[in-house]
C-alpha atoms as a PDB file:
ATOM      1  CA  VAL A   1     188.779 -90.046 157.185  1.00  0.00           C
ATOM      2  CA  ARG A   2     186.954 -91.366 154.373  1.00  0.00           C
ATOM      3  CA  LEU A   3     184.232 -92.932 156.181  1.00  0.00           C
ATOM      4  CA  GLN A   4     183.890 -90.086 158.614  1.00  0.00           C
ATOM      5  CA  THR A   5     183.445 -87.526 155.532  1.00  0.00           C
ATOM      6  CA  GLN A   6     181.445 -89.450 153.070  1.00  0.00           C
ATOM      7  CA  PRO A   7     178.285 -87.357 152.094  1.00  0.00           C
ATOM      8  CA  LYS A   8     174.851 -88.385 153.075  1.00  0.00           C
ATOM      9  CA  PRO A   9     173.575 -90.599 150.037  1.00  0.00           C
ATOM     10  CA  GLN A  10     170.586 -89.450 148.180  1.00  0.00           C
ATOM     11  CA  PRO A  11     167.176 -91.129 148.808  1.00  0.00           C
ATOM     12  CA  GLY A  12     167.250 -94.685 147.304  1.00  0.00           C
ATOM     13  CA  GLN A  13     171.068 -94.358 146.643  1.00  0.00           C
ATOM     14  CA  PRO A  14     173.664 -96.575 148.547  1.00  0.00           C
ATOM     15  CA  PRO A  15     176.352 -94.878 150.452  1.00  0.00           C
ATOM     16  CA  LEU A  16     179.679 -94.415 148.814  1.00  0.00           C
ATOM     17  CA  TYR A  17     181.223 -96.934 151.257  1.00  0.00           C
ATOM     18  CA  SER A  18     178.810 -99.477 153.320  1.00  0.00           C
ATOM     19  CA  GLY A  19     181.780-100.215 155.911  1.00  0.00           C
ATOM     20  CA  THR A  20     185.426-100.585 156.596  1.00  0.00           C
ATOM     21  CA  LEU A  21     186.005-103.571 154.443  1.00  0.00           C
ATOM     22  CA  ASP A  22     184.051-101.822 151.505  1.00  0.00           C
ATOM     23  CA  CYS A  23     186.060 -98.483 151.757  1.00  0.00           C
ATOM     24  CA  PHE A  24     189.207-100.783 151.870  1.00  0.00           C
ATOM     25  CA  ARG A  25     188.440-102.683 148.753  1.00  0.00           C
ATOM     26  CA  LYS A  26     187.282 -99.776 146.875  1.00  0.00           C
ATOM     27  CA  THR A  27     190.432 -97.767 147.609  1.00  0.00           C
ATOM     28  CA  LEU A  28     192.638-100.705 146.695  1.00  0.00           C
ATOM     29  CA  VAL A  29     190.715-101.247 143.385  1.00  0.00           C
ATOM     30  CA  GLY A  30     190.541 -97.567 142.596  1.00  0.00           C
ATOM     31  CA  GLU A  31     193.872 -96.179 143.756  1.00  0.00           C
ATOM     32  CA  GLY A  32     196.042 -99.292 144.305  1.00  0.00           C
ATOM     33  CA  VAL A  33     197.997 -99.782 147.512  1.00  0.00           C
ATOM     34  CA  ARG A  34     199.346 -96.163 147.546  1.00  0.00           C
ATOM     35  CA  GLY A  35     195.759 -95.051 147.865  1.00  0.00           C
ATOM     36  CA  LEU A  36     195.706 -96.643 151.378  1.00  0.00           C
ATOM     37  CA  TYR A  37     198.661 -94.302 152.341  1.00  0.00           C
ATOM     38  CA  ARG A  38     197.248 -91.258 150.824  1.00  0.00           C
ATOM     39  CA  GLY A  39     198.429 -88.155 152.802  1.00  0.00           C
ATOM     40  CA  MET A  40     200.938 -89.924 154.713  1.00  0.00           C
ATOM     41  CA  ALA A  41     203.725 -87.592 154.280  1.00  0.00           C
ATOM     42  CA  ALA A  42     202.508 -84.727 156.543  1.00  0.00           C
ATOM     43  CA  PRO A  43     201.919 -87.435 159.575  1.00  0.00           C
ATOM     44  CA  ILE A  44     205.286 -88.803 158.995  1.00  0.00           C
ATOM     45  CA  ILE A  45     206.979 -85.612 159.085  1.00  0.00           C
ATOM     46  CA  GLY A  46     205.232 -84.546 162.164  1.00  0.00           C
ATOM     47  CA  VAL A  47     205.036 -88.122 164.141  1.00  0.00           C
ATOM     48  CA  THR A  48     208.639 -87.898 165.702  1.00  0.00           C
ATOM     49  CA  PRO A  49     208.502 -84.383 167.006  1.00  0.00           C
ATOM     50  CA  MET A  50     204.791 -84.983 168.053  1.00  0.00           C
ATOM     51  CA  PHE A  51     205.500 -87.921 170.172  1.00  0.00           C
ATOM     52  CA  ALA A  52     208.606 -86.325 171.593  1.00  0.00           C
ATOM     53  CA  VAL A  53     206.512 -83.284 172.784  1.00  0.00           C
ATOM     54  CA  CYS A  54     203.482 -85.803 173.582  1.00  0.00           C
ATOM     55  CA  PHE A  55     205.761 -87.671 176.387  1.00  0.00           C
ATOM     56  CA  PHE A  56     207.542 -84.503 177.350  1.00  0.00           C
ATOM     57  CA  GLY A  57     203.999 -82.979 178.082  1.00  0.00           C
ATOM     58  CA  PHE A  58     203.096 -85.951 180.120  1.00  0.00           C
ATOM     59  CA  GLY A  59     206.317 -85.934 182.007  1.00  0.00           C
ATOM     60  CA  LEU A  60     205.922 -82.202 182.757  1.00  0.00           C
ATOM     61  CA  GLY A  61     202.343 -82.625 183.722  1.00  0.00           C
ATOM     62  CA  LYS A  62     203.614 -85.331 186.276  1.00  0.00           C
ATOM     63  CA  ARG A  63     206.280 -83.072 187.542  1.00  0.00           C
ATOM     64  CA  LEU A  64     204.212 -80.124 188.088  1.00  0.00           C
ATOM     65  CA  GLN A  65     202.213 -82.141 190.479  1.00  0.00           C
ATOM     66  CA  GLN A  66     204.910 -83.857 192.466  1.00  0.00           C
ATOM     67  CA  ARG A  67     206.301 -82.177 195.569  1.00  0.00           C
ATOM     68  CA  LYS A  68     209.211 -84.817 195.543  1.00  0.00           C
ATOM     69  CA  PRO A  69     210.411 -86.644 192.524  1.00  0.00           C
ATOM     70  CA  ASP A  70     209.569 -90.012 193.832  1.00  0.00           C
ATOM     71  CA  ASP A  71     205.864 -89.021 194.719  1.00  0.00           C
ATOM     72  CA  VAL A  72     203.268 -91.618 193.487  1.00  0.00           C
ATOM     73  CA  LEU A  73     200.533 -89.700 191.472  1.00  0.00           C
ATOM     74  CA  THR A  74     196.764 -90.669 191.698  1.00  0.00           C
ATOM     75  CA  TYR A  75     195.032 -91.627 188.607  1.00  0.00           C
ATOM     76  CA  PRO A  76     193.265 -88.465 188.384  1.00  0.00           C
ATOM     77  CA  GLN A  77     196.671 -86.694 188.502  1.00  0.00           C
ATOM     78  CA  LEU A  78     197.835 -88.856 185.774  1.00  0.00           C
ATOM     79  CA  PHE A  79     194.801 -88.139 183.598  1.00  0.00           C
ATOM     80  CA  ALA A  80     195.672 -84.264 184.272  1.00  0.00           C
ATOM     81  CA  ALA A  81     199.048 -84.839 183.146  1.00  0.00           C
ATOM     82  CA  GLY A  82     198.029 -86.554 180.124  1.00  0.00           C
ATOM     83  CA  MET A  83     195.427 -83.762 179.210  1.00  0.00           C
ATOM     84  CA  LEU A  84     198.695 -81.347 179.177  1.00  0.00           C
ATOM     85  CA  SER A  85     200.401 -83.536 176.647  1.00  0.00           C
ATOM     86  CA  GLY A  86     197.347 -83.278 174.402  1.00  0.00           C
ATOM     87  CA  VAL A  87     197.665 -79.385 174.512  1.00  0.00           C
ATOM     88  CA  PHE A  88     201.351 -79.607 173.473  1.00  0.00           C
ATOM     89  CA  THR A  89     200.867 -82.065 170.596  1.00  0.00           C
ATOM     90  CA  THR A  90     198.008 -80.161 169.041  1.00  0.00           C
ATOM     91  CA  VAL A  91     200.515 -77.429 167.972  1.00  0.00           C
ATOM     92  CA  ILE A  92     201.982 -80.010 165.680  1.00  0.00           C
ATOM     93  CA  MET A  93     198.931 -82.149 164.941  1.00  0.00           C
ATOM     94  CA  ALA A  94     196.415 -79.697 163.770  1.00  0.00           C
ATOM     95  CA  PRO A  95     198.302 -78.599 160.256  1.00  0.00           C
ATOM     96  CA  GLY A  96     199.274 -82.356 159.478  1.00  0.00           C
ATOM     97  CA  GLU A  97     195.634 -83.594 160.213  1.00  0.00           C
ATOM     98  CA  ARG A  98     194.369 -80.888 158.000  1.00  0.00           C
ATOM     99  CA  ILE A  99     196.758 -81.608 155.120  1.00  0.00           C
ATOM    100  CA  LYS A 100     196.236 -85.405 155.626  1.00  0.00           C
ATOM    101  CA  CYS A 101     192.392 -84.983 155.633  1.00  0.00           C
ATOM    102  CA  LEU A 102     192.327 -82.920 152.408  1.00  0.00           C
ATOM    103  CA  LEU A 103     194.621 -85.181 150.505  1.00  0.00           C
ATOM    104  CA  GLN A 104     192.605 -88.346 151.304  1.00  0.00           C
ATOM    105  CA  ILE A 105     189.302 -86.620 150.395  1.00  0.00           C
ATOM    106  CA  GLN A 106     190.761 -85.476 147.235  1.00  0.00           C
ATOM    107  CA  ALA A 107     191.632 -88.994 146.320  1.00  0.00           C
ATOM    108  CA  ALA A 108     188.168 -90.284 147.275  1.00  0.00           C
ATOM    109  CA  THR A 109     186.494 -87.455 144.945  1.00  0.00           C
ATOM    110  CA  GLY A 110     188.708 -88.060 142.121  1.00  0.00           C
ATOM    111  CA  GLU A 111     189.637 -84.205 141.946  1.00  0.00           C
ATOM    112  CA  THR A 112     193.407 -83.225 141.928  1.00  0.00           C
ATOM    113  CA  LYS A 113     193.723 -79.960 143.506  1.00  0.00           C
ATOM    114  CA  TYR A 114     196.919 -80.714 145.547  1.00  0.00           C
ATOM    115  CA  SER A 115     199.825 -82.586 143.977  1.00  0.00           C
ATOM    116  CA  GLY A 116     201.247 -83.669 147.660  1.00  0.00           C
ATOM    117  CA  SER A 117     201.487 -82.558 151.169  1.00  0.00           C
ATOM    118  CA  LEU A 118     203.885 -79.426 150.628  1.00  0.00           C
ATOM    119  CA  ASP A 119     201.720 -78.193 147.648  1.00  0.00           C
ATOM    120  CA  CYS A 120     198.520 -78.698 149.937  1.00  0.00           C
ATOM    121  CA  ALA A 121     200.350 -76.589 152.729  1.00  0.00           C
ATOM    122  CA  LYS A 122     201.590 -73.993 150.387  1.00  0.00           C
ATOM    123  CA  GLN A 123     197.861 -73.451 148.736  1.00  0.00           C
ATOM    124  CA  LEU A 124     196.388 -73.351 152.268  1.00  0.00           C
ATOM    125  CA  TYR A 125     198.717 -70.727 153.353  1.00  0.00           C
ATOM    126  CA  ARG A 126     198.288 -68.750 150.086  1.00  0.00           C
ATOM    127  CA  GLU A 127     194.697 -68.842 150.301  1.00  0.00           C
ATOM    128  CA  ALA A 128     193.924 -68.036 154.010  1.00  0.00           C
ATOM    129  CA  GLY A 129     197.298 -67.574 155.707  1.00  0.00           C
ATOM    130  CA  ILE A 130     198.309 -69.393 158.861  1.00  0.00           C
ATOM    131  CA  ARG A 131     194.583 -69.839 160.034  1.00  0.00           C
ATOM    132  CA  GLY A 132     194.077 -71.789 156.841  1.00  0.00           C
ATOM    133  CA  VAL A 133     196.736 -74.351 157.830  1.00  0.00           C
ATOM    134  CA  TYR A 134     195.479 -74.675 161.402  1.00  0.00           C
ATOM    135  CA  LYS A 135     191.895 -74.783 160.667  1.00  0.00           C
ATOM    136  CA  GLY A 136     190.138 -77.375 162.966  1.00  0.00           C
ATOM    137  CA  THR A 137     192.654 -76.506 165.847  1.00  0.00           C
ATOM    138  CA  VAL A 138     189.785 -76.278 168.504  1.00  0.00           C
ATOM    139  CA  LEU A 139     188.419 -79.511 167.341  1.00  0.00           C
ATOM    140  CA  THR A 140     192.116 -81.003 167.642  1.00  0.00           C
ATOM    141  CA  LEU A 141     192.269 -79.757 171.115  1.00  0.00           C
ATOM    142  CA  MET A 142     188.748 -81.089 172.014  1.00  0.00           C
ATOM    143  CA  ARG A 143     189.808 -84.517 170.516  1.00  0.00           C
ATOM    144  CA  ASP A 144     193.559 -84.811 171.969  1.00  0.00           C
ATOM    145  CA  VAL A 145     193.143 -83.137 175.446  1.00  0.00           C
ATOM    146  CA  PRO A 146     190.745 -85.664 176.997  1.00  0.00           C
ATOM    147  CA  ALA A 147     191.913 -88.443 174.808  1.00  0.00           C
ATOM    148  CA  SER A 148     195.459 -88.124 175.971  1.00  0.00           C
ATOM    149  CA  GLY A 149     194.274 -88.058 179.475  1.00  0.00           C
ATOM    150  CA  MET A 150     192.696 -91.244 178.985  1.00  0.00           C
ATOM    151  CA  TYR A 151     195.735 -92.599 176.956  1.00  0.00           C
ATOM    152  CA  PHE A 152     198.281 -92.193 179.750  1.00  0.00           C
ATOM    153  CA  MET A 153     196.065 -92.765 182.781  1.00  0.00           C
ATOM    154  CA  THR A 154     194.763 -96.281 181.212  1.00  0.00           C
ATOM    155  CA  TYR A 155     198.523 -97.198 180.338  1.00  0.00           C
ATOM    156  CA  GLU A 156     199.891 -96.467 183.946  1.00  0.00           C
ATOM    157  CA  TRP A 157     196.694 -98.090 185.345  1.00  0.00           C
ATOM    158  CA  LEU A 158     197.328-101.455 183.340  1.00  0.00           C
ATOM    159  CA  LYS A 159     201.098-101.387 183.990  1.00  0.00           C
ATOM    160  CA  ASN A 160     200.247-101.563 187.678  1.00  0.00           C
ATOM    161  CA  ILE A 161     197.785-104.373 187.266  1.00  0.00           C
ATOM    162  CA  LEU A 162     199.998-106.358 185.014  1.00  0.00           C
ATOM    163  CA  THR A 163     203.140-106.054 187.143  1.00  0.00           C
ATOM    164  CA  PRO A 164     203.623-109.286 189.304  1.00  0.00           C
ATOM    165  CA  GLU A 165     203.394-108.816 193.118  1.00  0.00           C
ATOM    166  CA  GLY A 166     207.120-107.996 194.416  1.00  0.00           C
ATOM    167  CA  LYS A 167     208.115-107.018 190.924  1.00  0.00           C
ATOM    168  CA  SER A 168     208.894-103.341 189.635  1.00  0.00           C
ATOM    169  CA  VAL A 169     206.868-101.897 186.928  1.00  0.00           C
ATOM    170  CA  SER A 170     210.133-101.022 185.231  1.00  0.00           C
ATOM    171  CA  ASP A 171     210.645-104.641 184.889  1.00  0.00           C
ATOM    172  CA  LEU A 172     207.566-105.483 183.015  1.00  0.00           C
ATOM    173  CA  SER A 173     207.887-107.905 180.008  1.00  0.00           C
ATOM    174  CA  VAL A 174     207.591-107.043 176.337  1.00  0.00           C
ATOM    175  CA  PRO A 175     204.178-108.820 175.770  1.00  0.00           C
ATOM    176  CA  ARG A 176     202.521-107.057 178.945  1.00  0.00           C
ATOM    177  CA  ILE A 177     203.927-103.635 177.477  1.00  0.00           C
ATOM    178  CA  LEU A 178     202.418-104.389 174.315  1.00  0.00           C
ATOM    179  CA  PHE A 179     199.072-105.306 175.946  1.00  0.00           C
ATOM    180  CA  ALA A 180     198.909-102.057 178.170  1.00  0.00           C
ATOM    181  CA  GLY A 181     199.910 -99.876 175.335  1.00  0.00           C
ATOM    182  CA  GLY A 182     197.565-101.342 172.757  1.00  0.00           C
ATOM    183  CA  LEU A 183     194.511-101.236 175.419  1.00  0.00           C
ATOM    184  CA  ALA A 184     195.431 -97.757 176.127  1.00  0.00           C
ATOM    185  CA  GLY A 185     195.175 -96.995 172.479  1.00  0.00           C
ATOM    186  CA  ILE A 186     191.553 -98.390 172.685  1.00  0.00           C
ATOM    187  CA  PHE A 187     190.519 -96.210 175.625  1.00  0.00           C
ATOM    188  CA  ASN A 188     192.100 -93.319 173.937  1.00  0.00           C
ATOM    189  CA  TRP A 189     190.297 -93.482 170.502  1.00  0.00           C
ATOM    190  CA  ALA A 190     186.775 -94.396 172.404  1.00  0.00           C
ATOM    191  CA  VAL A 191     187.309 -91.072 173.925  1.00  0.00           C
ATOM    192  CA  ALA A 192     188.476 -89.375 170.663  1.00  0.00           C
ATOM    193  CA  ILE A 193     186.346 -90.680 167.958  1.00  0.00           C
ATOM    194  CA  PRO A 194     183.329 -88.218 168.277  1.00  0.00           C
ATOM    195  CA  PRO A 195     185.411 -85.029 168.288  1.00  0.00           C
ATOM    196  CA  ASP A 196     187.574 -86.622 165.559  1.00  0.00           C
ATOM    197  CA  VAL A 197     184.562 -86.941 163.268  1.00  0.00           C
ATOM    198  CA  LEU A 198     183.738 -83.343 163.683  1.00  0.00           C
ATOM    199  CA  LYS A 199     187.351 -82.329 163.072  1.00  0.00           C
ATOM    200  CA  SER A 200     187.529 -84.366 159.586  1.00  0.00           C
ATOM    201  CA  ARG A 201     184.281 -83.006 158.637  1.00  0.00           C
ATOM    202  CA  PHE A 202     185.227 -79.312 159.478  1.00  0.00           C
ATOM    203  CA  GLN A 203     188.840 -79.524 158.009  1.00  0.00           C
ATOM    204  CA  THR A 204     187.525 -80.738 154.749  1.00  0.00           C
ATOM    205  CA  ALA A 205     184.488 -78.573 154.323  1.00  0.00           C
ATOM    206  CA  PRO A 206     184.549 -75.755 151.829  1.00  0.00           C
ATOM    207  CA  PRO A 207     185.553 -72.186 153.340  1.00  0.00           C
ATOM    208  CA  GLY A 208     182.559 -70.533 154.995  1.00  0.00           C
ATOM    209  CA  LYS A 209     180.207 -73.556 155.114  1.00  0.00           C
ATOM    210  CA  TYR A 210     180.524 -73.750 158.990  1.00  0.00           C
ATOM    211  CA  ALA A 211     180.385 -70.158 159.900  1.00  0.00           C
ATOM    212  CA  ASN A 212     179.975 -71.100 163.846  1.00  0.00           C
ATOM    213  CA  GLY A 213     182.618 -73.923 163.839  1.00  0.00           C
ATOM    214  CA  PHE A 214     182.196 -77.168 165.386  1.00  0.00           C
ATOM    215  CA  ARG A 215     178.916 -76.255 166.643  1.00  0.00           C
ATOM    216  CA  ASP A 216     177.405 -76.229 163.266  1.00  0.00           C
ATOM    217  CA  VAL A 217     179.009 -79.398 162.205  1.00  0.00           C
ATOM    218  CA  LEU A 218     177.424 -81.284 165.233  1.00  0.00           C
ATOM    219  CA  ARG A 219     174.069 -79.721 164.324  1.00  0.00           C
ATOM    220  CA  GLU A 220     174.228 -80.905 161.023  1.00  0.00           C
ATOM    221  CA  LEU A 221     175.465 -84.202 161.673  1.00  0.00           C
ATOM    222  CA  ILE A 222     172.922 -84.858 164.302  1.00  0.00           C
ATOM    223  CA  ARG A 223     170.004 -83.538 162.106  1.00  0.00           C
ATOM    224  CA  GLU A 224     170.820 -85.387 159.058  1.00  0.00           C
ATOM    225  CA  GLU A 225     172.614 -88.691 160.364  1.00  0.00           C
ATOM    226  CA  GLY A 226     171.776 -89.026 163.961  1.00  0.00           C
ATOM    227  CA  VAL A 227     173.853 -89.536 166.990  1.00  0.00           C
ATOM    228  CA  ALA A 228     175.583 -92.657 165.665  1.00  0.00           C
ATOM    229  CA  SER A 229     177.402 -90.545 162.819  1.00  0.00           C
ATOM    230  CA  LEU A 230     179.550 -89.367 165.616  1.00  0.00           C
ATOM    231  CA  TYR A 231     181.273 -92.852 165.562  1.00  0.00           C
ATOM    232  CA  LYS A 232     181.627 -93.081 161.883  1.00  0.00           C
ATOM    233  CA  GLY A 233     184.875 -94.881 161.065  1.00  0.00           C
ATOM    234  CA  PHE A 234     184.876 -96.751 164.384  1.00  0.00           C
ATOM    235  CA  THR A 235     185.790-100.096 163.251  1.00  0.00           C
ATOM    236  CA  ALA A 236     188.781 -98.737 161.118  1.00  0.00           C
ATOM    237  CA  VAL A 237     190.001 -96.893 163.990  1.00  0.00           C
ATOM    238  CA  MET A 238     189.970 -99.685 166.546  1.00  0.00           C
ATOM    239  CA  ILE A 239     191.660-101.964 164.033  1.00  0.00           C
ATOM    240  CA  ARG A 240     194.606 -99.390 163.931  1.00  0.00           C
ATOM    241  CA  ALA A 241     194.505 -98.394 167.582  1.00  0.00           C
ATOM    242  CA  PHE A 242     195.883-101.552 169.342  1.00  0.00           C
ATOM    243  CA  PRO A 243     198.788-102.459 167.192  1.00  0.00           C
ATOM    244  CA  ALA A 244     199.862 -98.882 166.732  1.00  0.00           C
ATOM    245  CA  ASN A 245     199.746 -97.881 170.271  1.00  0.00           C
ATOM    246  CA  ALA A 246     201.402-100.995 171.298  1.00  0.00           C
ATOM    247  CA  ALA A 247     204.317-100.378 169.261  1.00  0.00           C
ATOM    248  CA  CYS A 248     204.358 -96.567 170.400  1.00  0.00           C
ATOM    249  CA  PHE A 249     204.797 -97.487 174.112  1.00  0.00           C
ATOM    250  CA  LEU A 250     207.200-100.282 173.633  1.00  0.00           C
ATOM    251  CA  GLY A 251     209.373 -97.816 171.617  1.00  0.00           C
ATOM    252  CA  PHE A 252     209.109 -95.316 174.461  1.00  0.00           C
ATOM    253  CA  GLU A 253     210.131 -97.920 177.024  1.00  0.00           C
ATOM    254  CA  VAL A 254     212.751 -99.446 175.156  1.00  0.00           C
ATOM    255  CA  ALA A 255     214.209 -95.907 174.350  1.00  0.00           C
ATOM    256  CA  MET A 256     214.039 -94.804 177.882  1.00  0.00           C
ATOM    257  CA  LYS A 257     215.821 -97.943 178.891  1.00  0.00           C
ATOM    258  CA  PHE A 258     218.532 -97.296 176.341  1.00  0.00           C
ATOM    259  CA  LEU A 259     218.831 -93.587 177.431  1.00  0.00           C
ATOM    260  CA  ASN A 260     219.233 -94.444 181.026  1.00  0.00           C
ATOM    261  CA  TRP A 261     221.670 -96.988 180.018  1.00  0.00           C
ATOM    262  CA  ILE A 262     224.060 -94.664 178.133  1.00  0.00           C
ATOM    263  CA  ALA A 263     223.326 -91.603 180.257  1.00  0.00           C
ATOM    264  CA  PRO A 264     222.073 -92.506 183.625  1.00  0.00           C
ATOM    265  CA  GLY A 265     222.512 -89.118 185.131  1.00  0.00           C
ATOM    266  CA  LEU A 266     220.949 -87.039 182.521  1.00  0.00           C
END
């Protein structure tokens, strides 16, 4: 978020952050280890219901396209099911993303308007109502719907590729699940980064700056910083994407095996 929203430097001046490692170093030096976790409360509160809804949405998307429970879906159908999960998660994701971005930007600028996630949510609601809390929802949808489609389709595709001949996909080893989940995260964020940059800019902008929404953000970025600006933060996102999503899918697979063991008929 800090890389995505840093202002364009004045002529002759260096940028606030020259790259991912520079941002990491300056955050660590200026704010300590806690600075690396700034705005974490909102995502932590939302992450459990968000992933529950995400996987529920994917399962529902698959069932809506199956005539029989054992029907094998094509990859475009899996992509469509994943897109539905992105619609579901936006309801939970949008407010948490808005709060997280504001708190991270606040720390970078040195101003202290919000004392924490709850205070940020209260002030946003007081200033602009529920619309203030959900600012950036359309851009969150633009990010999560296609990215979630790519996420789940890639994971299912990789699972099929990595399953030895004669074996069942459900018997895939832990390292292979981790690899498939991690690569799915990479593919997910390859699609998600441009709308994520637009979302971060829009959600942290002063009220009224972008009257026409994401179109104004896109025009400003392209005009002032070029197309490459849509991939700001690419390195930081990719460093996070593999391990985070490998762990996510492993957790899901383990949870499903456990639930099927204790309640096989549920």
